[in-house]
Amino acid sequence: MDPDAKPSRLADATELESFVSGADVALVEFFTSGCPKCAAMEPVLGTVARSADVSVGLINPRTDPGLIEAYDVRSVPTLVVFVDGVERGRLAEGFQGAEAVIDLLAEHAPEAVPETG
């Protein structure tokens, strides 16, 4: 866990692929500009990046429309968990607080979530 960690902004499919394949565990938010729920997720994802052993990325699939089909993005924000480059879980139910995102990671990538208490 890195106290200075923050989400990385990804520009296109090439950057996304490199980001996901370069991390043991990656959490990616698919968002669109002008989406208030998506914008509200960024500080939450910053908290997650600092409290879990996970690389967090943000990508707007409208900048590379092939991403919409390739990653089956049907609504935003969509959060996708990748372990060793393979999708393991997703959450596409609007805004989520840090606890819900940590729960998503705990379910699909427990090695990324620190033990508590």
C-alpha atoms as a PDB file:
ATOM      1  CA  MET A   1       0.000   0.000   0.000  1.00  0.00           C
ATOM      2  CA  ASP A   2       1.262   3.389  -1.025  1.00  0.00           C
ATOM      3  CA  PRO A   3       0.097   6.443   0.962  1.00  0.00           C
ATOM      4  CA  ASP A   4       0.691   8.601  -2.128  1.00  0.00           C
ATOM      5  CA  ALA A   5      -1.037   6.311  -4.640  1.00  0.00           C
ATOM      6  CA  LYS A   6      -3.649   7.780  -6.942  1.00  0.00           C
ATOM      7  CA  PRO A   7      -5.558   6.545  -9.983  1.00  0.00           C
ATOM      8  CA  SER A   8      -3.791   6.587 -13.353  1.00  0.00           C
ATOM      9  CA  ARG A   9      -5.541   8.137 -16.341  1.00  0.00           C
ATOM     10  CA  LEU A  10      -5.401   5.848 -19.367  1.00  0.00           C
ATOM     11  CA  ALA A  11      -5.859   7.167 -22.913  1.00  0.00           C
ATOM     12  CA  ASP A  12      -6.692   4.145 -25.045  1.00  0.00           C
ATOM     13  CA  ALA A  13      -6.809   0.351 -25.394  1.00  0.00           C
ATOM     14  CA  THR A  14      -3.019   0.112 -25.690  1.00  0.00           C
ATOM     15  CA  GLU A  15      -2.464   1.964 -22.405  1.00  0.00           C
ATOM     16  CA  LEU A  16      -5.225  -0.065 -20.741  1.00  0.00           C
ATOM     17  CA  GLU A  17      -3.707  -3.370 -21.857  1.00  0.00           C
ATOM     18  CA  SER A  18      -0.257  -2.321 -20.665  1.00  0.00           C
ATOM     19  CA  PHE A  19      -1.663  -1.118 -17.332  1.00  0.00           C
ATOM     20  CA  VAL A  20      -3.636  -4.308 -16.684  1.00  0.00           C
ATOM     21  CA  SER A  21      -0.882  -6.672 -17.789  1.00  0.00           C
ATOM     22  CA  GLY A  22       1.715  -4.800 -15.723  1.00  0.00           C
ATOM     23  CA  ALA A  23      -0.143  -5.162 -12.416  1.00  0.00           C
ATOM     24  CA  ASP A  24      -0.794  -8.212 -10.247  1.00  0.00           C
ATOM     25  CA  VAL A  25      -4.178  -6.713  -9.364  1.00  0.00           C
ATOM     26  CA  ALA A  26      -5.726  -3.813 -11.292  1.00  0.00           C
ATOM     27  CA  LEU A  27      -8.997  -2.000 -10.729  1.00  0.00           C
ATOM     28  CA  VAL A  28     -10.235  -0.012 -13.734  1.00  0.00           C
ATOM     29  CA  GLU A  29     -13.097   2.461 -13.811  1.00  0.00           C
ATOM     30  CA  PHE A  30     -14.741   2.946 -17.184  1.00  0.00           C
ATOM     31  CA  PHE A  31     -16.243   6.459 -17.067  1.00  0.00           C
ATOM     32  CA  THR A  32     -17.498   9.200 -19.340  1.00  0.00           C
ATOM     33  CA  SER A  33     -16.880  12.925 -19.159  1.00  0.00           C
ATOM     34  CA  GLY A  34     -19.832  14.809 -17.756  1.00  0.00           C
ATOM     35  CA  CYS A  35     -21.050  11.847 -15.672  1.00  0.00           C
ATOM     36  CA  PRO A  36     -21.451  13.129 -12.096  1.00  0.00           C
ATOM     37  CA  LYS A  37     -21.439   9.626 -10.583  1.00  0.00           C
ATOM     38  CA  CYS A  38     -18.209   8.858 -12.454  1.00  0.00           C
ATOM     39  CA  ALA A  39     -16.573  12.077 -11.252  1.00  0.00           C
ATOM     40  CA  ALA A  40     -17.621  11.284  -7.679  1.00  0.00           C
ATOM     41  CA  MET A  41     -15.867   7.905  -7.948  1.00  0.00           C
ATOM     42  CA  GLU A  42     -12.393   9.429  -8.469  1.00  0.00           C
ATOM     43  CA  PRO A  43     -11.758  10.411  -4.818  1.00  0.00           C
ATOM     44  CA  VAL A  44     -13.175   7.052  -3.698  1.00  0.00           C
ATOM     45  CA  LEU A  45     -10.766   5.259  -6.033  1.00  0.00           C
ATOM     46  CA  GLY A  46      -7.915   7.376  -4.660  1.00  0.00           C
ATOM     47  CA  THR A  47      -8.776   6.104  -1.183  1.00  0.00           C
ATOM     48  CA  VAL A  48      -8.856   2.535  -2.485  1.00  0.00           C
ATOM     49  CA  ALA A  49      -5.486   2.989  -4.226  1.00  0.00           C
ATOM     50  CA  ARG A  50      -3.947   4.144  -0.937  1.00  0.00           C
ATOM     51  CA  SER A  51      -5.521   1.440   1.236  1.00  0.00           C
ATOM     52  CA  ALA A  52      -5.218  -1.702  -0.903  1.00  0.00           C
ATOM     53  CA  ASP A  53      -2.429  -3.335  -2.884  1.00  0.00           C
ATOM     54  CA  VAL A  54      -4.031  -2.557  -6.231  1.00  0.00           C
ATOM     55  CA  SER A  55      -3.234  -0.409  -9.256  1.00  0.00           C
ATOM     56  CA  VAL A  56      -6.189   1.838 -10.070  1.00  0.00           C
ATOM     57  CA  GLY A  57      -6.832   3.175 -13.561  1.00  0.00           C
ATOM     58  CA  LEU A  58      -9.472   5.388 -15.137  1.00  0.00           C
ATOM     59  CA  ILE A  59     -10.438   5.224 -18.795  1.00  0.00           C
ATOM     60  CA  ASN A  60     -13.091   6.906 -20.910  1.00  0.00           C
ATOM     61  CA  PRO A  61     -14.201   4.310 -23.476  1.00  0.00           C
ATOM     62  CA  ARG A  62     -15.535   7.077 -25.710  1.00  0.00           C
ATOM     63  CA  THR A  63     -11.915   7.985 -26.547  1.00  0.00           C
ATOM     64  CA  ASP A  64     -11.438   4.473 -27.973  1.00  0.00           C
ATOM     65  CA  PRO A  65     -14.917   3.128 -28.876  1.00  0.00           C
ATOM     66  CA  GLY A  66     -13.646  -0.435 -29.365  1.00  0.00           C
ATOM     67  CA  LEU A  67     -13.296  -0.612 -25.580  1.00  0.00           C
ATOM     68  CA  ILE A  68     -17.079  -0.487 -25.163  1.00  0.00           C
ATOM     69  CA  GLU A  69     -17.493  -3.786 -26.999  1.00  0.00           C
ATOM     70  CA  ALA A  70     -14.227  -5.375 -25.866  1.00  0.00           C
ATOM     71  CA  TYR A  71     -15.007  -4.844 -22.172  1.00  0.00           C
ATOM     72  CA  ASP A  72     -18.814  -5.055 -22.431  1.00  0.00           C
ATOM     73  CA  VAL A  73     -19.334  -1.580 -20.950  1.00  0.00           C
ATOM     74  CA  ARG A  74     -23.097  -1.083 -20.778  1.00  0.00           C
ATOM     75  CA  SER A  75     -23.254   1.704 -18.172  1.00  0.00           C
ATOM     76  CA  VAL A  76     -20.920   4.048 -16.341  1.00  0.00           C
ATOM     77  CA  PRO A  77     -19.283   4.001 -13.972  1.00  0.00           C
ATOM     78  CA  THR A  78     -18.238   0.381 -14.459  1.00  0.00           C
ATOM     79  CA  LEU A  79     -15.510  -1.005 -12.190  1.00  0.00           C
ATOM     80  CA  VAL A  80     -13.558  -4.042 -13.389  1.00  0.00           C
ATOM     81  CA  VAL A  81     -11.098  -6.080 -11.311  1.00  0.00           C
ATOM     82  CA  PHE A  82      -8.242  -7.779 -13.170  1.00  0.00           C
ATOM     83  CA  VAL A  83      -5.925 -10.349 -11.583  1.00  0.00           C
ATOM     84  CA  ASP A  84      -2.821 -11.241 -13.581  1.00  0.00           C
ATOM     85  CA  GLY A  85      -4.390  -9.572 -16.627  1.00  0.00           C
ATOM     86  CA  VAL A  86      -7.648 -11.542 -16.484  1.00  0.00           C
ATOM     87  CA  GLU A  87     -11.022 -10.050 -15.571  1.00  0.00           C
ATOM     88  CA  ARG A  88     -12.191 -11.525 -12.255  1.00  0.00           C
ATOM     89  CA  GLY A  89     -15.106  -9.311 -11.299  1.00  0.00           C
ATOM     90  CA  ARG A  90     -17.059  -6.180 -12.074  1.00  0.00           C
ATOM     91  CA  LEU A  91     -19.496  -3.755 -10.544  1.00  0.00           C
ATOM     92  CA  ALA A  92     -21.730  -1.560 -12.698  1.00  0.00           C
ATOM     93  CA  GLU A  93     -24.312  -0.229 -10.276  1.00  0.00           C
ATOM     94  CA  GLY A  94     -23.608   3.512 -10.227  1.00  0.00           C
ATOM     95  CA  PHE A  95     -21.682   5.328  -7.525  1.00  0.00           C
ATOM     96  CA  GLN A  96     -20.032   3.094  -4.933  1.00  0.00           C
ATOM     97  CA  GLY A  97     -18.342   4.093  -1.690  1.00  0.00           C
ATOM     98  CA  ALA A  98     -14.867   2.918  -0.722  1.00  0.00           C
ATOM     99  CA  GLU A  99     -16.259   0.086   1.422  1.00  0.00           C
ATOM    100  CA  ALA A 100     -18.202  -1.393  -1.515  1.00  0.00           C
ATOM    101  CA  VAL A 101     -15.131  -1.177  -3.759  1.00  0.00           C
ATOM    102  CA  ILE A 102     -12.938  -2.818  -1.094  1.00  0.00           C
ATOM    103  CA  ASP A 103     -15.595  -5.550  -0.761  1.00  0.00           C
ATOM    104  CA  LEU A 104     -15.421  -6.081  -4.551  1.00  0.00           C
ATOM    105  CA  LEU A 105     -11.642  -6.469  -4.293  1.00  0.00           C
ATOM    106  CA  ALA A 106     -11.924  -8.750  -1.250  1.00  0.00           C
ATOM    107  CA  GLU A 107     -14.263 -11.033  -3.185  1.00  0.00           C
ATOM    108  CA  HIS A 108     -12.249 -11.221  -6.415  1.00  0.00           C
ATOM    109  CA  ALA A 109      -8.671 -10.402  -5.345  1.00  0.00           C
ATOM    110  CA  PRO A 110      -8.391 -11.057  -1.597  1.00  0.00           C
ATOM    111  CA  GLU A 111      -4.595 -10.854  -1.769  1.00  0.00           C
ATOM    112  CA  ALA A 112      -4.945  -7.110  -2.519  1.00  0.00           C
ATOM    113  CA  VAL A 113      -6.936  -6.275   0.602  1.00  0.00           C
ATOM    114  CA  PRO A 114      -5.176  -5.964   3.932  1.00  0.00           C
ATOM    115  CA  GLU A 115      -6.416  -8.031   6.854  1.00  0.00           C
ATOM    116  CA  THR A 116      -8.293  -5.964   9.429  1.00  0.00           C
ATOM    117  CA  GLY A 117      -8.505  -6.353  13.156  1.00  0.00           C
END
